[in-house]
Protein backbone atom coordinates (compact mmCIF):
# COMPACT_ATOMS: atom_id res chain seq x y z
CA UNK A 1 0.00 0.00 0.00
CA UNK A 2 1.42 3.39 -1.02
CA UNK A 3 1.28 6.12 1.64
CA UNK A 4 0.81 9.60 0.08
CA UNK A 5 1.63 11.40 3.35
CA UNK A 6 5.10 12.54 4.33
CA UNK A 7 5.77 12.25 8.07
CA UNK A 8 8.16 14.55 9.92
CA UNK A 9 9.21 13.12 13.29
CA UNK A 10 9.60 15.97 15.78
CA UNK A 11 10.54 13.86 18.80
CA UNK A 12 11.09 10.15 18.97
CA UNK A 13 13.00 7.32 20.50
CA UNK A 14 14.98 4.52 18.97
CA UNK A 15 12.96 1.40 18.37
CA UNK A 16 13.66 -2.20 19.12
CA UNK A 17 11.56 -4.39 16.86
CA UNK A 18 8.46 -5.59 18.65
CA UNK A 19 8.44 -2.79 21.25
CA UNK A 20 6.57 0.49 21.45
CA UNK A 21 8.41 3.35 19.79
CA UNK A 22 6.88 6.55 21.17
CA UNK A 23 7.06 9.57 18.91
CA UNK A 24 5.53 12.94 18.14
CA UNK A 25 5.16 13.72 14.46
CA UNK A 26 3.39 15.88 11.93
CA UNK A 27 2.02 15.11 8.49
CA UNK A 28 3.31 17.66 6.01
CA UNK A 29 -0.16 18.22 4.56
CA UNK A 30 -1.60 19.03 8.04
CA UNK A 31 1.01 21.18 9.83
CA UNK A 32 -1.40 22.43 12.50
CA UNK A 33 -1.99 18.93 13.93
CA UNK A 34 0.52 16.75 15.78
CA UNK A 35 0.23 12.98 16.00
CA UNK A 36 1.62 10.68 18.64
CA UNK A 37 2.51 7.02 18.59
CA UNK A 38 2.13 5.93 22.20
CA UNK A 39 0.78 3.10 24.33
CA UNK A 40 -2.76 3.06 25.71
CA UNK A 41 -3.10 3.36 29.48
CA UNK A 42 -4.40 0.06 30.83
CA UNK A 43 -4.28 0.67 34.60
CA UNK A 44 -7.95 0.95 35.72
CA UNK A 45 -7.06 3.26 38.63
CA UNK A 46 -5.25 5.71 36.35
CA UNK A 47 -8.09 5.62 33.82
CA UNK A 48 -10.57 6.28 36.64
CA UNK A 49 -8.49 9.25 37.83
CA UNK A 50 -8.86 10.87 34.39
CA UNK A 51 -12.44 9.71 33.73
CA UNK A 52 -13.99 13.18 34.02
CA UNK A 53 -11.53 14.49 31.41
CA UNK A 54 -11.89 11.70 28.84
CA UNK A 55 -14.58 12.58 26.34
CA UNK A 56 -16.49 10.37 23.94
CA UNK A 57 -14.10 8.93 21.38
CA UNK A 58 -11.00 9.88 23.40
CA UNK A 59 -8.40 7.53 24.86
CA UNK A 60 -6.00 7.94 27.77
CA UNK A 61 -2.44 7.13 26.67
CA UNK A 62 0.97 7.11 28.26
CA UNK A 63 4.43 7.96 27.01
CA UNK A 64 7.85 8.70 28.53
CA UNK A 65 8.05 12.20 30.04
CA UNK A 66 11.46 12.59 28.39
CA UNK A 67 9.63 12.83 25.05
CA UNK A 68 8.54 16.34 26.11
CA UNK A 69 11.43 17.60 28.26
CA UNK A 70 9.89 21.09 28.51
CA UNK A 71 7.27 19.76 30.92
CA UNK A 72 9.10 16.91 32.62
PDB file of N, CA and C in Angstrom:
ATOM      1  N   UNK A   1       0.836  -1.173   0.000  1.00  0.00           N
ATOM      2  CA  UNK A   1       0.000   0.000   0.000  1.00  0.00           C
ATOM      3  C   UNK A   1       0.885   1.242   0.000  1.00  0.00           C
ATOM      4  N   UNK A   2       0.648   2.169  -0.889  1.00  0.00           N
ATOM      5  CA  UNK A   2       1.424   3.391  -1.021  1.00  0.00           C
ATOM      6  C   UNK A   2       0.858   4.473  -0.096  1.00  0.00           C
ATOM      7  N   UNK A   3       1.709   5.084   0.715  1.00  0.00           N
ATOM      8  CA  UNK A   3       1.285   6.125   1.645  1.00  0.00           C
ATOM      9  C   UNK A   3       1.593   7.485   1.033  1.00  0.00           C
ATOM     10  N   UNK A   4       0.566   8.300   0.714  1.00  0.00           N
ATOM     11  CA  UNK A   4       0.807   9.595   0.079  1.00  0.00           C
ATOM     12  C   UNK A   4       1.266  10.679   1.058  1.00  0.00           C
ATOM     13  N   UNK A   5       1.261  10.402   2.347  1.00  0.00           N
ATOM     14  CA  UNK A   5       1.633  11.400   3.346  1.00  0.00           C
ATOM     15  C   UNK A   5       3.123  11.331   3.662  1.00  0.00           C
ATOM     16  N   UNK A   6       3.715  12.497   3.864  1.00  0.00           N
ATOM     17  CA  UNK A   6       5.095  12.540   4.333  1.00  0.00           C
ATOM     18  C   UNK A   6       5.068  12.883   5.812  1.00  0.00           C
ATOM     19  N   UNK A   7       5.752  12.089   6.620  1.00  0.00           N
ATOM     20  CA  UNK A   7       5.771  12.253   8.071  1.00  0.00           C
ATOM     21  C   UNK A   7       7.087  12.897   8.487  1.00  0.00           C
ATOM     22  N   UNK A   8       6.983  13.937   9.313  1.00  0.00           N
ATOM     23  CA  UNK A   8       8.156  14.553   9.916  1.00  0.00           C
ATOM     24  C   UNK A   8       8.133  14.219  11.403  1.00  0.00           C
ATOM     25  N   UNK A   9       9.126  13.472  11.872  1.00  0.00           N
ATOM     26  CA  UNK A   9       9.214  13.116  13.286  1.00  0.00           C
ATOM     27  C   UNK A   9       9.848  14.287  14.023  1.00  0.00           C
ATOM     28  N   UNK A  10       9.122  14.837  15.003  1.00  0.00           N
ATOM     29  CA  UNK A  10       9.602  15.970  15.782  1.00  0.00           C
ATOM     30  C   UNK A  10      10.368  15.511  17.018  1.00  0.00           C
ATOM     31  N   UNK A  11       9.882  14.480  17.649  1.00  0.00           N
ATOM     32  CA  UNK A  11      10.544  13.858  18.795  1.00  0.00           C
ATOM     33  C   UNK A  11      10.296  12.365  18.693  1.00  0.00           C
ATOM     34  N   UNK A  12      11.283  11.586  18.998  1.00  0.00           N
ATOM     35  CA  UNK A  12      11.088  10.147  18.966  1.00  0.00           C
ATOM     36  C   UNK A  12      12.219   9.427  19.651  1.00  0.00           C
ATOM     37  N   UNK A  13      12.004   8.167  19.868  1.00  0.00           N
ATOM     38  CA  UNK A  13      13.001   7.324  20.500  1.00  0.00           C
ATOM     39  C   UNK A  13      13.359   6.182  19.573  1.00  0.00           C
ATOM     40  N   UNK A  14      14.548   5.662  19.758  1.00  0.00           N
ATOM     41  CA  UNK A  14      14.977   4.518  18.972  1.00  0.00           C
ATOM     42  C   UNK A  14      14.066   3.336  19.250  1.00  0.00           C
ATOM     43  N   UNK A  15      13.868   2.536  18.254  1.00  0.00           N
ATOM     44  CA  UNK A  15      12.958   1.401  18.373  1.00  0.00           C
ATOM     45  C   UNK A  15      13.720   0.086  18.370  1.00  0.00           C
ATOM     46  N   UNK A  16      13.231  -0.820  19.177  1.00  0.00           N
ATOM     47  CA  UNK A  16      13.663  -2.203  19.116  1.00  0.00           C
ATOM     48  C   UNK A  16      12.470  -2.958  18.562  1.00  0.00           C
ATOM     49  N   UNK A  17      12.676  -3.714  17.521  1.00  0.00           N
ATOM     50  CA  UNK A  17      11.564  -4.388  16.861  1.00  0.00           C
ATOM     51  C   UNK A  17      10.698  -5.136  17.865  1.00  0.00           C
ATOM     52  N   UNK A  18       9.395  -4.920  17.773  1.00  0.00           N
ATOM     53  CA  UNK A  18       8.457  -5.590  18.652  1.00  0.00           C
ATOM     54  C   UNK A  18       8.098  -4.799  19.892  1.00  0.00           C
ATOM     55  N   UNK A  19       8.717  -3.630  20.086  1.00  0.00           N
ATOM     56  CA  UNK A  19       8.437  -2.792  21.250  1.00  0.00           C
ATOM     57  C   UNK A  19       7.810  -1.482  20.810  1.00  0.00           C
ATOM     58  N   UNK A  20       7.160  -0.800  21.734  1.00  0.00           N
ATOM     59  CA  UNK A  20       6.569   0.491  21.446  1.00  0.00           C
ATOM     60  C   UNK A  20       7.670   1.505  21.167  1.00  0.00           C
ATOM     61  N   UNK A  21       7.457   2.319  20.162  1.00  0.00           N
ATOM     62  CA  UNK A  21       8.411   3.352  19.788  1.00  0.00           C
ATOM     63  C   UNK A  21       7.709   4.699  19.864  1.00  0.00           C
ATOM     64  N   UNK A  22       7.631   5.311  21.039  1.00  0.00           N
ATOM     65  CA  UNK A  22       6.882   6.549  21.169  1.00  0.00           C
ATOM     66  C   UNK A  22       7.486   7.657  20.319  1.00  0.00           C
ATOM     67  N   UNK A  23       6.593   8.436  19.699  1.00  0.00           N
ATOM     68  CA  UNK A  23       7.063   9.566  18.912  1.00  0.00           C
ATOM     69  C   UNK A  23       5.974  10.616  18.782  1.00  0.00           C
ATOM     70  N   UNK A  24       6.417  11.826  18.473  1.00  0.00           N
ATOM     71  CA  UNK A  24       5.528  12.935  18.143  1.00  0.00           C
ATOM     72  C   UNK A  24       5.896  13.339  16.729  1.00  0.00           C
ATOM     73  N   UNK A  25       4.890  13.436  15.863  1.00  0.00           N
ATOM     74  CA  UNK A  25       5.159  13.717  14.462  1.00  0.00           C
ATOM     75  C   UNK A  25       4.075  14.599  13.864  1.00  0.00           C
ATOM     76  N   UNK A  26       4.345  15.056  12.663  1.00  0.00           N
ATOM     77  CA  UNK A  26       3.385  15.880  11.927  1.00  0.00           C
ATOM     78  C   UNK A  26       3.357  15.372  10.488  1.00  0.00           C
ATOM     79  N   UNK A  27       2.164  15.398   9.915  1.00  0.00           N
ATOM     80  CA  UNK A  27       2.020  15.112   8.488  1.00  0.00           C
ATOM     81  C   UNK A  27       2.211  16.424   7.753  1.00  0.00           C
ATOM     82  N   UNK A  28       3.012  16.412   6.711  1.00  0.00           N
ATOM     83  CA  UNK A  28       3.314  17.656   6.009  1.00  0.00           C
ATOM     84  C   UNK A  28       2.092  18.351   5.440  1.00  0.00           C
ATOM     85  N   UNK A  29       1.036  17.591   5.123  1.00  0.00           N
ATOM     86  CA  UNK A  29      -0.164  18.221   4.557  1.00  0.00           C
ATOM     87  C   UNK A  29      -1.141  18.703   5.633  1.00  0.00           C
ATOM     88  N   UNK A  30      -0.766  18.566   6.923  1.00  0.00           N
ATOM     89  CA  UNK A  30      -1.601  19.032   8.037  1.00  0.00           C
ATOM     90  C   UNK A  30      -0.700  19.577   9.137  1.00  0.00           C
ATOM     91  N   UNK A  31       0.001  20.690   8.894  1.00  0.00           N
ATOM     92  CA  UNK A  31       1.011  21.178   9.828  1.00  0.00           C
ATOM     93  C   UNK A  31       0.468  21.695  11.158  1.00  0.00           C
ATOM     94  N   UNK A  32      -0.829  21.921  11.262  1.00  0.00           N
ATOM     95  CA  UNK A  32      -1.405  22.431  12.504  1.00  0.00           C
ATOM     96  C   UNK A  32      -1.776  21.324  13.487  1.00  0.00           C
ATOM     97  N   UNK A  33      -1.619  20.060  13.093  1.00  0.00           N
ATOM     98  CA  UNK A  33      -1.988  18.929  13.932  1.00  0.00           C
ATOM     99  C   UNK A  33      -0.759  18.061  14.188  1.00  0.00           C
ATOM    100  N   UNK A  34      -0.559  17.684  15.445  1.00  0.00           N
ATOM    101  CA  UNK A  34       0.517  16.749  15.784  1.00  0.00           C
ATOM    102  C   UNK A  34      -0.092  15.377  16.051  1.00  0.00           C
ATOM    103  N   UNK A  35       0.654  14.352  15.762  1.00  0.00           N
ATOM    104  CA  UNK A  35       0.225  12.977  16.000  1.00  0.00           C
ATOM    105  C   UNK A  35       1.241  12.314  16.913  1.00  0.00           C
ATOM    106  N   UNK A  36       0.753  11.408  17.741  1.00  0.00           N
ATOM    107  CA  UNK A  36       1.624  10.681  18.645  1.00  0.00           C
ATOM    108  C   UNK A  36       1.442   9.175  18.462  1.00  0.00           C
ATOM    109  N   UNK A  37       2.546   8.473  18.524  1.00  0.00           N
ATOM    110  CA  UNK A  37       2.512   7.016  18.590  1.00  0.00           C
ATOM    111  C   UNK A  37       2.900   6.691  20.025  1.00  0.00           C
ATOM    112  N   UNK A  38       1.941   6.183  20.773  1.00  0.00           N
ATOM    113  CA  UNK A  38       2.127   5.927  22.201  1.00  0.00           C
ATOM    114  C   UNK A  38       1.390   4.647  22.579  1.00  0.00           C
ATOM    115  N   UNK A  39       1.476   4.293  23.839  1.00  0.00           N
ATOM    116  CA  UNK A  39       0.783   3.103  24.331  1.00  0.00           C
ATOM    117  C   UNK A  39      -0.490   3.514  25.069  1.00  0.00           C
ATOM    118  N   UNK A  40      -1.550   2.742  24.940  1.00  0.00           N
ATOM    119  CA  UNK A  40      -2.764   3.056  25.707  1.00  0.00           C
ATOM    120  C   UNK A  40      -2.532   2.792  27.190  1.00  0.00           C
ATOM    121  N   UNK A  41      -3.150   3.606  28.026  1.00  0.00           N
ATOM    122  CA  UNK A  41      -3.097   3.355  29.475  1.00  0.00           C
ATOM    123  C   UNK A  41      -4.049   2.206  29.777  1.00  0.00           C
ATOM    124  N   UNK A  42      -3.572   1.231  30.519  1.00  0.00           N
ATOM    125  CA  UNK A  42      -4.400   0.061  30.834  1.00  0.00           C
ATOM    126  C   UNK A  42      -4.687  -0.081  32.323  1.00  0.00           C
ATOM    127  N   UNK A  43      -4.077   0.738  33.157  1.00  0.00           N
ATOM    128  CA  UNK A  43      -4.282   0.669  34.596  1.00  0.00           C
ATOM    129  C   UNK A  43      -5.648   1.263  34.938  1.00  0.00           C
ATOM    130  N   UNK A  44      -6.596   0.452  35.428  1.00  0.00           N
ATOM    131  CA  UNK A  44      -7.947   0.949  35.721  1.00  0.00           C
ATOM    132  C   UNK A  44      -7.970   2.128  36.684  1.00  0.00           C
ATOM    133  N   UNK A  45      -7.082   2.153  37.668  1.00  0.00           N
ATOM    134  CA  UNK A  45      -7.059   3.258  38.631  1.00  0.00           C
ATOM    135  C   UNK A  45      -6.653   4.565  37.960  1.00  0.00           C
ATOM    136  N   UNK A  46      -5.693   4.501  37.068  1.00  0.00           N
ATOM    137  CA  UNK A  46      -5.255   5.712  36.355  1.00  0.00           C
ATOM    138  C   UNK A  46      -6.337   6.185  35.392  1.00  0.00           C
ATOM    139  N   UNK A  47      -6.993   5.258  34.729  1.00  0.00           N
ATOM    140  CA  UNK A  47      -8.094   5.617  33.824  1.00  0.00           C
ATOM    141  C   UNK A  47      -9.213   6.271  34.624  1.00  0.00           C
ATOM    142  N   UNK A  48      -9.526   5.716  35.789  1.00  0.00           N
ATOM    143  CA  UNK A  48     -10.575   6.282  36.641  1.00  0.00           C
ATOM    144  C   UNK A  48     -10.210   7.689  37.100  1.00  0.00           C
ATOM    145  N   UNK A  49      -8.936   7.926  37.384  1.00  0.00           N
ATOM    146  CA  UNK A  49      -8.492   9.246  37.832  1.00  0.00           C
ATOM    147  C   UNK A  49      -8.748  10.313  36.767  1.00  0.00           C
ATOM    148  N   UNK A  50      -8.665   9.934  35.505  1.00  0.00           N
ATOM    149  CA  UNK A  50      -8.857  10.868  34.394  1.00  0.00           C
ATOM    150  C   UNK A  50     -10.265  10.816  33.806  1.00  0.00           C
ATOM    151  N   UNK A  51     -11.130   9.973  34.342  1.00  0.00           N
ATOM    152  CA  UNK A  51     -12.441   9.707  33.730  1.00  0.00           C
ATOM    153  C   UNK A  51     -13.227  10.971  33.403  1.00  0.00           C
ATOM    154  N   UNK A  52     -13.206  11.966  34.278  1.00  0.00           N
ATOM    155  CA  UNK A  52     -13.990  13.180  34.025  1.00  0.00           C
ATOM    156  C   UNK A  52     -13.403  14.024  32.900  1.00  0.00           C
ATOM    157  N   UNK A  53     -12.189  13.720  32.473  1.00  0.00           N
ATOM    158  CA  UNK A  53     -11.534  14.492  31.412  1.00  0.00           C
ATOM    159  C   UNK A  53     -11.466  13.742  30.085  1.00  0.00           C
ATOM    160  N   UNK A  54     -11.930  12.507  30.077  1.00  0.00           N
ATOM    161  CA  UNK A  54     -11.889  11.704  28.845  1.00  0.00           C
ATOM    162  C   UNK A  54     -13.253  11.776  28.193  1.00  0.00           C
ATOM    163  N   UNK A  55     -13.315  12.418  27.050  1.00  0.00           N
ATOM    164  CA  UNK A  55     -14.575  12.575  26.344  1.00  0.00           C
ATOM    165  C   UNK A  55     -14.880  11.396  25.445  1.00  0.00           C
ATOM    166  N   UNK A  56     -16.073  11.418  24.878  1.00  0.00           N
ATOM    167  CA  UNK A  56     -16.485  10.365  23.941  1.00  0.00           C
ATOM    168  C   UNK A  56     -15.487  10.305  22.792  1.00  0.00           C
ATOM    169  N   UNK A  57     -15.030   9.122  22.479  1.00  0.00           N
ATOM    170  CA  UNK A  57     -14.096   8.934  21.378  1.00  0.00           C
ATOM    171  C   UNK A  57     -12.645   9.229  21.730  1.00  0.00           C
ATOM    172  N   UNK A  58     -12.372   9.601  22.984  1.00  0.00           N
ATOM    173  CA  UNK A  58     -11.004   9.878  23.404  1.00  0.00           C
ATOM    174  C   UNK A  58     -10.427   8.689  24.156  1.00  0.00           C
ATOM    175  N   UNK A  59      -9.109   8.656  24.256  1.00  0.00           N
ATOM    176  CA  UNK A  59      -8.395   7.535  24.858  1.00  0.00           C
ATOM    177  C   UNK A  59      -7.269   8.077  25.713  1.00  0.00           C
ATOM    178  N   UNK A  60      -7.121   7.579  26.918  1.00  0.00           N
ATOM    179  CA  UNK A  60      -5.997   7.939  27.772  1.00  0.00           C
ATOM    180  C   UNK A  60      -4.788   7.123  27.338  1.00  0.00           C
ATOM    181  N   UNK A  61      -3.671   7.797  27.110  1.00  0.00           N
ATOM    182  CA  UNK A  61      -2.445   7.128  26.673  1.00  0.00           C
ATOM    183  C   UNK A  61      -1.311   7.506  27.606  1.00  0.00           C
ATOM    184  N   UNK A  62      -0.211   6.800  27.456  1.00  0.00           N
ATOM    185  CA  UNK A  62       0.973   7.107  28.257  1.00  0.00           C
ATOM    186  C   UNK A  62       2.199   7.093  27.352  1.00  0.00           C
ATOM    187  N   UNK A  63       3.172   7.903  27.747  1.00  0.00           N
ATOM    188  CA  UNK A  63       4.431   7.958  27.006  1.00  0.00           C
ATOM    189  C   UNK A  63       5.509   8.474  27.956  1.00  0.00           C
ATOM    190  N   UNK A  64       6.772   8.247  27.639  1.00  0.00           N
ATOM    191  CA  UNK A  64       7.849   8.699  28.532  1.00  0.00           C
ATOM    192  C   UNK A  64       7.870  10.217  28.632  1.00  0.00           C
ATOM    193  N   UNK A  65       7.994  10.749  29.847  1.00  0.00           N
ATOM    194  CA  UNK A  65       8.055  12.204  30.041  1.00  0.00           C
ATOM    195  C   UNK A  65       9.232  12.802  29.294  1.00  0.00           C
ATOM    196  N   UNK A  66      10.291  12.047  29.088  1.00  0.00           N
ATOM    197  CA  UNK A  66      11.463  12.585  28.388  1.00  0.00           C
ATOM    198  C   UNK A  66      11.155  12.934  26.924  1.00  0.00           C
ATOM    199  N   UNK A  67      10.017  12.482  26.418  1.00  0.00           N
ATOM    200  CA  UNK A  67       9.627  12.830  25.054  1.00  0.00           C
ATOM    201  C   UNK A  67       9.265  14.315  24.953  1.00  0.00           C
ATOM    202  N   UNK A  68       8.837  14.903  26.072  1.00  0.00           N
ATOM    203  CA  UNK A  68       8.537  16.335  26.113  1.00  0.00           C
ATOM    204  C   UNK A  68       9.311  16.927  27.299  1.00  0.00           C
ATOM    205  N   UNK A  69      10.608  17.156  27.138  1.00  0.00           N
ATOM    206  CA  UNK A  69      11.434  17.604  28.260  1.00  0.00           C
ATOM    207  C   UNK A  69      11.009  18.957  28.830  1.00  0.00           C
ATOM    208  N   UNK A  70      10.318  19.774  28.044  1.00  0.00           N
ATOM    209  CA  UNK A  70       9.894  21.089  28.513  1.00  0.00           C
ATOM    210  C   UNK A  70       8.929  21.011  29.694  1.00  0.00           C
ATOM    211  N   UNK A  71       8.235  19.889  29.847  1.00  0.00           N
ATOM    212  CA  UNK A  71       7.270  19.757  30.922  1.00  0.00           C
ATOM    213  C   UNK A  71       7.627  18.659  31.922  1.00  0.00           C
ATOM    214  N   UNK A  72       8.734  17.997  31.702  1.00  0.00           N
ATOM    215  CA  UNK A  72       9.103  16.908  32.620  1.00  0.00           C
ATOM    216  C   UNK A  72      10.033  17.373  33.697  1.00  0.00           C
TER     217      UNK A  72
END
